Amino acid sequence: MHMFILRRMKLARGTSPWLIPVAALTAAAVAGSRRSRSWAMAAPLLAALTGMMLWFFRDPERQPAEGGVLCPADGVVQSMDPAPDGRTRVSIFMGPLNVHVNRAPCSGTVTTIEHIPGGHLPAFDKDSERNERVVWHVNTRLGDLEFIQIAGAVARRIVPYASVGETVRRGDRIGLIRFGSRVDVYLPPGLMPAVSLGQHVRAGRTPLA
């Protein structure tokens, strides 16, 4: 049964540097458990860690929902704040059990992708805006759409899937934040959020605006 599940489970791109060493160590522990008590004690813990990482890095297929702008991340709507330029910032907090693959909120052409080094505070901390992040700008039929992938205390690596000049469709996979973190979307002026504070949302499935 477990092997059947693993064969059907799709894993996110960019997980190999984390997953392969842990899986290899688990295999070594299982192989050495008959000869060593230390390996026998470590094997169940390593197997559990491997299982957790497989769950963290899952990448399920999803059919984009109908409508306008979509949520780019799985998680909980943490805040909705007006920006000085008339836009509305919607922040989605990603917990460690959420899918960590992010999706394009709207169709368009990627105009800029900027990696900004920074700290690694918990993503729910207001000062996490100073964390390491990747800022996206996409030229859409609604105008420029900005969204930001923010690394957290555990998530210390953001892996973009798209590149500047590439056309993305709403719901396309655009990147991965390893483990939990946060994604901010700046809705253009005139767009009202279709979500509420505390709402659980799914990337590519929940209408954002």
Protein backbone atom coordinates (compact mmCIF):
# COMPACT_ATOMS: atom_id res chain seq x y z
CA MET A 1 0.00 0.00 0.00
CA HIS A 2 2.77 2.43 0.97
CA MET A 3 4.71 1.72 -2.24
CA PHE A 4 1.52 2.29 -4.26
CA ILE A 5 1.09 5.71 -2.61
CA LEU A 6 4.72 6.65 -3.28
CA ARG A 7 4.43 5.71 -6.95
CA ARG A 8 1.38 7.94 -7.36
CA MET A 9 2.81 10.85 -5.36
CA LYS A 10 4.40 13.62 -7.44
CA LEU A 11 7.23 15.48 -5.74
CA ALA A 12 8.07 19.13 -6.26
CA ARG A 13 11.05 20.16 -8.34
CA GLY A 14 13.97 21.38 -6.25
CA THR A 15 13.54 18.93 -3.37
CA SER A 16 16.41 16.56 -4.19
CA PRO A 17 19.16 18.33 -2.17
CA TRP A 18 17.05 17.86 0.96
CA LEU A 19 15.27 14.59 0.32
CA ILE A 20 17.97 12.37 -1.23
CA PRO A 21 20.50 12.58 1.67
CA VAL A 22 17.79 11.82 4.25
CA ALA A 23 16.39 8.94 2.19
CA ALA A 24 19.90 7.52 1.65
CA LEU A 25 20.65 7.71 5.37
CA THR A 26 17.34 6.00 6.12
CA ALA A 27 18.20 3.17 3.72
CA ALA A 28 21.62 2.79 5.36
CA ALA A 29 20.02 2.68 8.81
CA VAL A 30 17.54 0.02 7.74
CA ALA A 31 20.32 -2.05 6.16
CA GLY A 32 22.52 -1.76 9.25
CA SER A 33 19.78 -2.24 11.83
CA ARG A 34 20.38 -6.01 12.02
CA ARG A 35 24.03 -5.52 12.88
CA SER A 36 23.94 -2.43 15.05
CA ARG A 37 21.66 -1.42 17.88
CA SER A 38 22.40 2.25 17.15
CA TRP A 39 21.24 1.87 13.55
CA ALA A 40 18.19 -0.07 14.74
CA MET A 41 17.22 2.80 17.03
CA ALA A 42 17.88 5.44 14.37
CA ALA A 43 16.04 3.68 11.54
CA PRO A 44 12.44 4.40 12.71
CA LEU A 45 13.26 8.06 13.36
CA LEU A 46 14.92 8.49 9.98
CA ALA A 47 12.06 6.66 8.26
CA ALA A 48 9.58 9.02 9.94
CA LEU A 49 11.64 12.03 8.84
CA THR A 50 11.72 10.73 5.26
CA GLY A 51 7.97 10.24 5.33
CA MET A 52 7.45 13.78 6.63
CA MET A 53 9.64 15.23 3.89
CA LEU A 54 7.78 13.27 1.22
CA TRP A 55 4.57 14.81 2.55
CA PHE A 56 6.06 18.31 2.77
CA PHE A 57 7.35 18.16 -0.81
CA ARG A 58 4.25 16.68 -2.45
CA ASP A 59 3.06 18.44 -5.60
CA PRO A 60 -0.53 17.41 -6.45
CA GLU A 61 -2.06 18.06 -9.84
CA ARG A 62 -4.71 20.78 -9.78
CA GLN A 63 -7.16 22.18 -12.31
CA PRO A 64 -7.26 25.99 -11.93
CA ALA A 65 -10.56 27.38 -10.69
CA GLU A 66 -12.67 29.61 -12.90
CA GLY A 67 -12.70 33.34 -12.22
CA GLY A 68 -10.17 36.09 -11.72
CA VAL A 69 -7.02 36.20 -9.61
CA LEU A 70 -6.22 32.97 -7.76
CA CYS A 71 -4.46 32.34 -4.48
CA PRO A 72 -0.77 31.57 -5.15
CA ALA A 73 -0.24 29.45 -2.04
CA ASP A 74 -1.85 26.92 0.26
CA GLY A 75 -2.32 28.21 3.78
CA VAL A 76 -4.24 30.72 5.88
CA VAL A 77 -5.00 34.35 5.03
CA GLN A 78 -2.92 36.17 7.63
CA SER A 79 -3.59 39.80 6.77
CA MET A 80 -5.17 42.17 4.23
CA ASP A 81 -3.74 45.68 4.29
CA PRO A 82 -4.11 48.74 2.03
CA ALA A 83 -0.84 49.88 0.47
CA PRO A 84 0.00 53.61 0.06
CA ASP A 85 -0.31 53.34 -3.74
CA GLY A 86 -3.92 52.10 -3.64
CA ARG A 87 -3.14 48.41 -3.94
CA THR A 88 -4.20 45.81 -1.37
CA ARG A 89 -1.67 43.42 0.10
CA VAL A 90 -2.98 39.95 0.92
CA SER A 91 -0.62 37.75 2.97
CA ILE A 92 -0.97 33.97 3.04
CA PHE A 93 0.86 32.06 5.76
CA MET A 94 2.04 28.59 4.75
CA GLY A 95 2.26 26.06 7.58
CA PRO A 96 4.64 23.08 7.53
CA LEU A 97 1.86 20.70 6.49
CA ASN A 98 0.72 22.76 3.49
CA VAL A 99 1.78 22.10 -0.10
CA HIS A 100 4.83 24.33 -0.66
CA VAL A 101 4.60 24.72 -4.44
CA ASN A 102 3.34 28.19 -5.37
CA ARG A 103 1.22 28.95 -8.45
CA ALA A 104 0.69 31.96 -10.69
CA PRO A 105 -2.27 34.07 -9.50
CA CYS A 106 -3.00 35.34 -13.02
CA SER A 107 -1.90 34.75 -16.61
CA GLY A 108 0.75 37.05 -18.03
CA THR A 109 4.41 37.60 -18.87
CA VAL A 110 7.05 37.60 -16.14
CA THR A 111 8.80 40.98 -16.32
CA THR A 112 11.12 40.78 -13.29
CA ILE A 113 12.24 38.24 -10.67
CA GLU A 114 14.34 39.75 -7.91
CA HIS A 115 16.01 37.78 -5.14
CA ILE A 116 16.54 39.89 -2.01
CA PRO A 117 18.76 38.46 0.76
CA GLY A 118 17.57 38.88 4.34
CA GLY A 119 16.85 37.23 7.67
CA HIS A 120 14.83 34.14 8.53
CA LEU A 121 12.32 35.22 11.15
CA PRO A 122 9.10 33.22 11.58
CA ALA A 123 6.81 34.05 8.64
CA PHE A 124 3.99 35.14 10.97
CA ASP A 125 6.22 37.85 12.51
CA LYS A 126 5.51 41.33 11.10
CA ASP A 127 9.27 41.91 10.76
CA SER A 128 9.46 38.92 8.40
CA GLU A 129 9.14 41.51 5.59
CA ARG A 130 12.92 41.83 6.05
CA ASN A 131 13.41 38.10 5.42
CA GLU A 132 14.99 36.59 2.36
CA ARG A 133 12.45 36.83 -0.45
CA VAL A 134 11.83 36.66 -4.18
CA VAL A 135 9.80 39.49 -5.71
CA TRP A 136 7.84 38.73 -8.88
CA HIS A 137 6.26 41.18 -11.34
CA VAL A 138 3.94 39.80 -14.01
CA ASN A 139 2.39 41.87 -16.80
CA THR A 140 -1.26 40.78 -16.91
CA ARG A 141 -4.51 42.03 -18.44
CA LEU A 142 -5.10 43.74 -15.08
CA GLY A 143 -1.76 45.53 -15.28
CA ASP A 144 1.35 44.82 -13.24
CA LEU A 145 0.77 42.12 -10.62
CA GLU A 146 3.34 41.83 -7.84
CA PHE A 147 3.68 38.88 -5.52
CA ILE A 148 6.44 37.96 -3.10
CA GLN A 149 7.68 34.60 -1.84
CA ILE A 150 9.06 35.10 1.69
CA ALA A 151 11.33 32.63 3.45
CA GLY A 152 10.65 31.83 7.12
CA ALA A 153 12.54 30.47 10.11
CA VAL A 154 12.75 26.96 8.63
CA ALA A 155 12.27 27.77 4.94
CA ARG A 156 15.68 29.05 3.93
CA ARG A 157 15.54 28.43 0.21
CA ILE A 158 13.20 29.71 -2.50
CA VAL A 159 13.35 27.94 -5.86
CA PRO A 160 11.77 29.83 -8.81
CA TYR A 161 10.47 27.67 -11.65
CA ALA A 162 9.80 30.42 -14.23
CA SER A 163 12.18 33.00 -15.72
CA VAL A 164 11.99 36.59 -16.94
CA GLY A 165 10.21 36.87 -20.29
CA GLU A 166 8.32 33.62 -19.80
CA THR A 167 4.54 33.52 -20.21
CA VAL A 168 2.71 31.86 -17.33
CA ARG A 169 -0.92 30.84 -17.12
CA ARG A 170 -3.05 31.24 -14.04
CA GLY A 171 -2.52 28.22 -11.83
CA ASP A 172 0.88 27.31 -13.34
CA ARG A 173 3.59 26.25 -10.90
CA ILE A 174 5.99 29.17 -10.50
CA GLY A 175 8.20 28.16 -7.59
CA LEU A 176 8.81 26.33 -4.34
CA ILE A 177 9.46 27.52 -0.80
CA ARG A 178 11.07 24.68 1.12
CA PHE A 179 9.01 24.07 4.29
CA GLY A 180 6.64 26.70 5.73
CA SER A 181 6.67 30.41 4.90
CA ARG A 182 4.54 33.21 3.42
CA VAL A 183 3.39 34.63 0.08
CA ASP A 184 2.18 38.22 -0.35
CA VAL A 185 0.07 39.37 -3.31
CA TYR A 186 -0.45 43.05 -4.13
CA LEU A 187 -3.84 43.40 -5.81
CA PRO A 188 -4.05 46.28 -8.32
CA PRO A 189 -6.26 49.26 -7.36
CA GLY A 190 -9.96 48.52 -7.85
CA LEU A 191 -9.70 44.81 -7.08
CA MET A 192 -11.35 43.67 -3.87
CA PRO A 193 -10.19 40.54 -2.01
CA ALA A 194 -12.55 37.58 -2.29
CA VAL A 195 -11.09 35.97 0.83
CA SER A 196 -11.44 36.71 4.54
CA LEU A 197 -8.99 36.79 7.43
CA GLY A 198 -8.27 33.34 8.81
CA GLN A 199 -9.63 31.59 5.71
CA HIS A 200 -7.87 28.41 4.57
CA VAL A 201 -6.98 28.68 0.89
CA ARG A 202 -5.47 26.46 -1.81
CA ALA A 203 -3.03 27.52 -4.52
CA GLY A 204 -4.67 27.66 -7.94
CA ARG A 205 -8.08 26.70 -6.56
CA THR A 206 -9.27 29.47 -4.25
CA PRO A 207 -10.29 32.78 -5.90
CA LEU A 208 -8.29 35.64 -4.36
CA ALA A 209 -9.98 38.63 -6.03
